[in-house]
Protein backbone atom coordinates (compact mmCIF):
# COMPACT_ATOMS: atom_id res chain seq x y z
CA MET A 1 20.43 61.40 103.40
CA ASN A 2 22.20 58.38 101.92
CA TYR A 3 19.79 57.32 99.16
CA HIS A 4 22.16 54.60 97.92
CA VAL A 5 21.94 52.65 101.17
CA LEU A 6 18.17 53.19 101.29
CA LYS A 7 17.99 51.56 97.88
CA LEU A 8 20.00 48.61 99.21
CA PHE A 9 17.60 48.28 102.14
CA TYR A 10 14.57 48.58 99.84
CA TYR A 11 15.70 45.72 97.60
CA VAL A 12 16.52 43.52 100.57
CA ALA A 13 12.99 44.23 101.86
CA ILE A 14 11.11 43.49 98.62
CA THR A 15 13.16 40.42 97.67
CA GLY A 16 13.19 39.02 101.21
CA SER A 17 16.93 38.40 101.46
CA VAL A 18 20.37 39.96 101.08
CA THR A 19 21.25 37.20 98.60
CA LYS A 20 18.44 38.08 96.20
CA ALA A 21 19.13 41.81 96.54
CA SER A 22 22.79 41.12 95.76
CA GLU A 23 21.83 39.24 92.60
CA ARG A 24 19.44 42.00 91.52
CA LEU A 25 21.82 44.92 92.18
CA HIS A 26 25.13 43.17 91.34
CA ILE A 27 26.62 44.22 94.67
CA SER A 28 28.25 41.76 97.06
CA GLN A 29 26.27 40.53 100.04
CA PRO A 30 28.85 41.68 102.62
CA ALA A 31 28.85 45.18 101.09
CA ILE A 32 25.06 45.42 101.27
CA SER A 33 24.91 44.20 104.86
CA ALA A 34 27.77 46.47 106.00
CA GLN A 35 26.24 49.60 104.47
CA ILE A 36 22.79 48.94 105.93
CA ARG A 37 24.26 48.33 109.42
CA LYS A 38 26.34 51.52 109.16
CA PHE A 39 23.23 53.50 108.20
CA GLU A 40 21.32 51.99 111.15
CA ARG A 41 24.09 52.98 113.60
CA GLU A 42 24.32 56.52 112.23
CA ASN A 43 20.57 57.02 112.60
CA ASN A 44 20.12 54.97 115.79
CA ILE A 45 17.47 52.72 114.21
CA LEU A 46 17.03 49.05 113.31
CA LEU A 47 15.52 48.35 109.87
CA LEU A 48 15.93 44.58 109.59
CA GLU A 49 16.28 41.75 112.05
CA VAL A 50 16.77 38.00 111.73
CA LYS A 51 14.06 35.74 113.10
CA GLY A 52 14.88 32.08 112.71
CA LYS A 53 16.06 31.67 109.14
CA ARG A 54 14.14 34.70 107.86
CA MET A 55 15.00 38.37 107.68
CA VAL A 56 12.02 40.54 108.66
CA LEU A 57 11.27 44.24 108.72
CA THR A 58 11.14 46.12 112.00
CA PRO A 59 8.25 48.58 112.56
CA ILE A 60 10.35 51.52 111.33
CA GLY A 61 11.49 49.41 108.37
CA LYS A 62 7.86 48.74 107.42
CA ARG A 63 7.02 52.45 107.63
CA LEU A 64 9.78 53.28 105.13
CA ILE A 65 8.70 50.84 102.40
CA ASP A 66 5.77 52.80 100.90
CA PRO A 67 7.58 56.17 100.60
CA LEU A 68 10.72 54.46 99.30
CA GLU A 69 8.66 52.51 96.76
CA LYS A 70 7.23 55.75 95.38
CA PHE A 71 10.58 57.52 95.52
CA PHE A 72 12.49 54.85 93.61
CA ALA A 73 9.63 54.39 91.15
CA MET A 74 9.90 58.07 90.28
CA GLY A 75 13.68 57.75 90.03
CA ASP A 76 13.38 54.81 87.65
CA GLN A 77 10.83 56.72 85.64
CA ILE A 78 13.14 59.74 85.34
CA GLN A 79 15.97 57.47 84.20
CA LYS A 80 13.67 55.86 81.64
CA ILE A 81 12.60 59.26 80.29
CA ILE A 82 16.25 60.29 79.88
CA GLU A 83 17.12 57.01 78.14
CA ASP A 84 14.09 57.32 75.85
CA TYR A 85 15.02 60.88 75.00
CA HIS A 86 18.36 59.68 73.63
CA ASN A 87 17.12 56.44 72.06
CA TYR A 88 13.60 57.41 70.99
CA PRO A 89 13.20 61.20 71.07
CA GLU A 90 9.45 60.92 70.48
CA GLY A 91 8.90 58.31 73.21
CA SER A 92 8.34 54.55 73.48
CA ILE A 93 5.93 52.13 75.14
CA ARG A 94 7.02 48.68 76.30
CA ILE A 95 4.04 46.32 76.40
CA ALA A 96 4.34 42.81 77.83
CA GLY A 97 1.52 40.31 77.67
CA ASN A 98 0.70 36.64 77.95
CA TYR A 99 0.01 34.73 74.74
CA LEU A 100 -3.70 35.49 74.89
CA ALA A 101 -3.03 39.22 75.10
CA THR A 102 -0.43 39.44 72.34
CA SER A 103 -2.33 37.22 69.91
CA ILE A 104 -5.86 38.61 70.35
CA PHE A 105 -5.95 41.99 72.09
CA ILE A 106 -2.71 43.94 71.78
CA PRO A 107 -2.27 43.90 67.95
CA ARG A 108 -5.53 45.84 67.45
CA TRP A 109 -4.83 48.28 70.28
CA ALA A 110 -1.28 48.92 69.07
CA SER A 111 -2.48 49.51 65.49
CA LEU A 112 -5.14 51.99 66.60
CA PHE A 113 -2.68 53.80 68.85
CA LYS A 114 -0.05 54.14 66.08
CA GLN A 115 -2.63 55.81 63.86
CA SER A 116 -2.81 58.67 66.37
CA PHE A 117 0.79 58.53 67.65
CA PRO A 118 2.94 57.35 64.70
CA GLU A 119 6.10 58.78 66.27
CA VAL A 120 5.90 56.65 69.43
CA LYS A 121 7.85 53.39 69.29
CA ILE A 122 5.96 50.31 70.56
CA GLN A 123 7.82 47.23 71.78
CA ILE A 124 5.70 44.12 72.44
CA THR A 125 6.92 41.08 74.39
CA THR A 126 5.13 37.74 74.79
CA THR A 127 5.72 35.63 77.89
CA ASN A 128 3.76 33.90 80.64
CA SER A 129 1.73 35.87 83.18
CA HIS A 130 4.22 35.56 86.04
CA GLU A 131 7.13 36.81 83.93
CA VAL A 132 4.89 39.63 82.69
CA MET A 133 4.36 40.73 86.29
CA GLU A 134 8.09 40.52 86.97
CA GLN A 135 8.72 42.87 84.05
CA LEU A 136 6.25 45.39 85.46
CA ASN A 137 7.65 45.13 88.99
CA ASN A 138 11.22 45.55 87.68
CA PHE A 139 10.21 48.55 85.53
CA GLU A 140 11.08 46.63 82.36
CA ALA A 141 7.56 47.15 80.94
CA ASP A 142 5.20 50.14 80.96
CA VAL A 143 1.93 48.27 80.36
CA VAL A 144 1.25 44.58 80.99
CA ILE A 145 -1.69 42.27 80.23
CA TYR A 146 -1.94 39.13 82.34
CA SER A 147 -4.17 36.52 83.94
CA ASP A 148 -5.35 37.02 87.51
CA MET A 149 -3.50 33.82 88.48
CA ALA A 150 -0.44 36.12 88.63
CA PHE A 151 -2.08 38.98 90.52
CA PRO A 152 0.64 41.01 92.26
CA SER A 153 1.24 40.81 95.99
CA HIS A 154 3.24 44.02 96.37
CA HIS A 155 4.00 47.38 94.71
CA THR A 156 0.37 48.37 95.23
CA GLY A 157 1.43 51.94 96.00
CA VAL A 158 3.13 52.45 92.63
CA PHE A 159 1.04 50.38 90.21
CA GLU A 160 -2.62 50.18 89.33
CA HIS A 161 -4.53 47.28 87.79
CA ARG A 162 -7.73 47.22 85.70
CA GLU A 163 -9.88 44.21 84.89
CA LEU A 164 -10.38 43.94 81.10
CA TYR A 165 -12.11 40.63 80.31
CA LYS A 166 -13.77 37.62 81.89
CA ASP A 167 -12.48 34.33 80.52
CA GLU A 168 -12.64 30.63 81.34
CA TYR A 169 -10.24 27.71 81.08
CA VAL A 170 -11.58 24.68 79.22
CA PHE A 171 -10.40 21.13 78.53
CA VAL A 172 -9.93 20.49 74.81
CA VAL A 173 -9.12 17.48 72.62
CA SER A 174 -9.02 16.72 68.92
CA SER A 175 -12.42 16.27 67.30
CA ASN A 176 -11.91 12.50 66.96
CA HIS A 177 -10.83 11.91 70.58
CA SER A 178 -13.07 9.61 72.63
CA PHE A 179 -13.72 12.46 75.11
CA ALA A 180 -14.78 14.95 72.39
CA ARG A 181 -18.07 16.65 73.36
CA GLN A 182 -18.52 14.13 76.19
CA GLU A 183 -19.02 14.64 79.91
CA VAL A 184 -16.43 12.83 82.00
CA SER A 185 -15.15 12.95 85.58
CA PHE A 186 -12.18 15.04 86.68
CA GLU A 187 -10.32 11.86 87.62
CA GLU A 188 -10.79 10.43 84.10
CA VAL A 189 -9.40 13.58 82.52
CA MET A 190 -6.37 13.64 84.83
CA ALA A 191 -5.50 10.09 83.77
CA GLU A 192 -4.95 11.28 80.18
CA ALA A 193 -1.69 12.48 78.62
CA PHE A 194 -1.53 16.28 78.75
CA ILE A 195 0.00 18.88 76.45
CA MET A 196 0.67 22.15 78.27
CA ARG A 197 2.72 25.30 78.36
CA GLU A 198 5.71 25.73 80.67
CA GLU A 199 5.51 26.10 84.43
CA GLY A 200 4.50 29.66 85.33
CA SER A 201 1.79 29.85 82.68
CA ALA A 202 -1.58 30.77 84.18
CA ALA A 203 -3.51 27.79 82.72
CA ARG A 204 -0.98 25.30 84.06
CA GLU A 205 -1.03 26.87 87.51
CA ARG A 206 -4.82 26.72 87.54
CA LEU A 207 -4.72 23.04 86.55
CA VAL A 208 -2.36 22.31 89.45
CA GLN A 209 -4.66 24.24 91.76
CA LEU A 210 -7.68 22.17 90.65
CA CYS A 211 -5.78 18.96 91.37
CA GLU A 212 -4.81 20.17 94.83
CA GLU A 213 -8.38 21.26 95.61
CA ARG A 214 -9.73 17.83 94.62
CA LYS A 215 -6.79 15.87 96.05
CA VAL A 216 -6.21 14.24 92.67
CA GLN A 217 -2.75 13.41 91.35
CA GLN A 218 -1.53 15.88 88.75
CA PRO A 219 -1.53 14.61 85.17
CA LYS A 220 1.60 13.67 83.26
CA ILE A 221 2.71 16.49 80.97
CA GLU A 222 3.82 14.45 77.99
CA LEU A 223 4.48 17.43 75.71
CA GLN A 224 5.44 20.95 76.82
CA PHE A 225 5.66 24.07 74.65
CA ASN A 226 6.38 27.74 75.26
CA GLY A 227 3.40 28.92 73.21
CA VAL A 228 -0.33 28.18 73.26
CA ASN A 229 -0.53 27.91 69.46
CA GLU A 230 1.97 25.03 69.54
CA VAL A 231 -0.06 23.37 72.30
CA ILE A 232 -3.29 23.68 70.32
CA GLN A 233 -1.72 22.38 67.11
CA ALA A 234 -0.38 19.32 68.95
CA VAL A 235 -3.83 18.61 70.40
CA ILE A 236 -5.45 19.02 66.96
CA ALA A 237 -2.97 16.47 65.60
CA GLY A 238 -4.62 13.91 67.85
CA TYR A 239 -2.35 13.38 70.84
CA GLY A 240 -3.45 14.18 74.36
CA ILE A 241 -5.60 16.77 76.06
CA SER A 242 -5.00 20.36 77.14
CA PHE A 243 -6.42 23.06 79.39
CA VAL A 244 -6.53 26.44 77.67
CA SER A 245 -8.27 29.80 77.56
CA ALA A 246 -11.76 29.62 76.05
CA LEU A 247 -11.02 32.84 74.14
CA LEU A 248 -8.00 31.22 72.46
CA ALA A 249 -9.80 27.92 71.83
CA LYS A 250 -12.97 29.47 70.35
CA PRO A 251 -11.83 29.77 66.67
CA TYR A 252 -10.74 26.11 66.65
CA LEU A 253 -13.89 24.96 68.43
CA ASP A 254 -15.98 26.88 65.87
CA GLN A 255 -14.04 25.25 63.02
CA GLY A 256 -14.48 21.79 64.55
CA THR A 257 -10.74 21.05 64.71
CA LEU A 258 -10.90 21.12 68.50
CA ALA A 259 -13.64 19.76 70.74
CA LYS A 260 -14.48 20.73 74.31
CA VAL A 261 -14.58 18.14 77.08
CA GLU A 262 -17.29 18.72 79.66
CA VAL A 263 -15.80 17.85 83.04
CA GLU A 264 -18.13 17.21 85.96
CA ASN A 265 -18.27 20.03 88.52
CA VAL A 266 -15.41 22.00 87.00
CA VAL A 267 -15.93 25.64 86.07
CA SER A 268 -12.69 27.60 85.97
CA LYS A 269 -13.34 31.26 85.30
CA HIS A 270 -10.61 33.88 85.46
CA SER A 271 -10.02 37.47 84.46
CA ILE A 272 -7.62 39.28 82.14
CA TRP A 273 -6.02 42.35 83.73
CA MET A 274 -3.98 45.35 82.62
CA GLY A 275 -1.28 46.72 84.91
CA SER A 276 0.73 49.92 84.69
CA ARG A 277 2.35 52.55 86.84
CA LYS A 278 -0.01 55.10 88.29
CA LYS A 279 -0.96 58.04 86.09
CA GLU A 280 1.30 60.51 87.85
CA LEU A 281 4.31 58.21 87.30
CA GLN A 282 3.94 57.69 83.55
CA GLU A 283 4.37 59.70 80.37
CA SER A 284 1.23 61.21 78.84
CA TYR A 285 1.36 59.01 75.73
CA ILE A 286 1.31 55.87 77.88
CA GLN A 287 -1.81 57.17 79.57
CA SER A 288 -3.22 57.83 76.07
CA PHE A 289 -2.65 54.16 75.20
CA ILE A 290 -4.43 53.03 78.37
CA THR A 291 -7.32 55.43 77.67
CA LEU A 292 -7.63 53.99 74.14
CA VAL A 293 -7.78 50.43 75.51
CA MET A 294 -10.50 51.29 78.02
CA LYS A 295 -12.48 53.13 75.34
CA GLN A 296 -12.28 50.11 73.01
CA LEU A 297 -13.54 47.83 75.75
CA LYS A 298 -16.41 50.19 76.61
CA GLU A 299 -17.50 50.37 72.96
CA LYS A 300 -17.61 46.56 72.73
CA LYS A 301 -19.99 46.24 75.69
């Protein structure tokens, strides 16, 4: 069985095009197409066909995706174990999280884990929820924490996801803003200057979604930052309004440096999730980290 060509087919299937598979695998498009067609002829099957401008899976192509997903996940895991053996003989965990996760949750969990597993290296990366999911899907992270705005649409056979927290997005301003602790309409809020994170951040995507649901023009993003702390500090300084996690805003609301804006008929709840490969596809110490997290959450309830 030619596993190399099956890998080419698999990446064409999950990315949706030969072009994207070529970029991911660093193999030319003609080479990918030629090898897949040769495999199809040798096995008297058709895996992919063009419909309009899209490339779609045939019935036999669809049947192959789940077993190939598991097969290549195990292959990637074996490669990672070998690399870790040479680079970190005692093991390593790559954790990726959105700003909320890496500023509030992960530091405590990582500290508690290191007390029991001091020999295991922990690498923590902060990025937005969509990029976090990309890292998990590309096997660049072992454990990820993200907002449900980025809930995965594929790889369900290889990964599992656990809900950790309930959260809510809130509109916030400086304590001396005219909207501070006031109830205003959604339209009034959208007319204000906004300070937000980059596109792809969960809060910004939810804000766009709210505008689309209410058929209201999206606000002007007058200042954009790559971190929530920078956003909050800019709002505290007195310019503009933002839409952020209530968990992140709480310390500043309690101090009185930020004030919440009550917006008519807007309640935007969301969840914080943890994703990882399934238990049978991960090292035991990664499962120990996940077990520690779930135990911490249970003790807090």
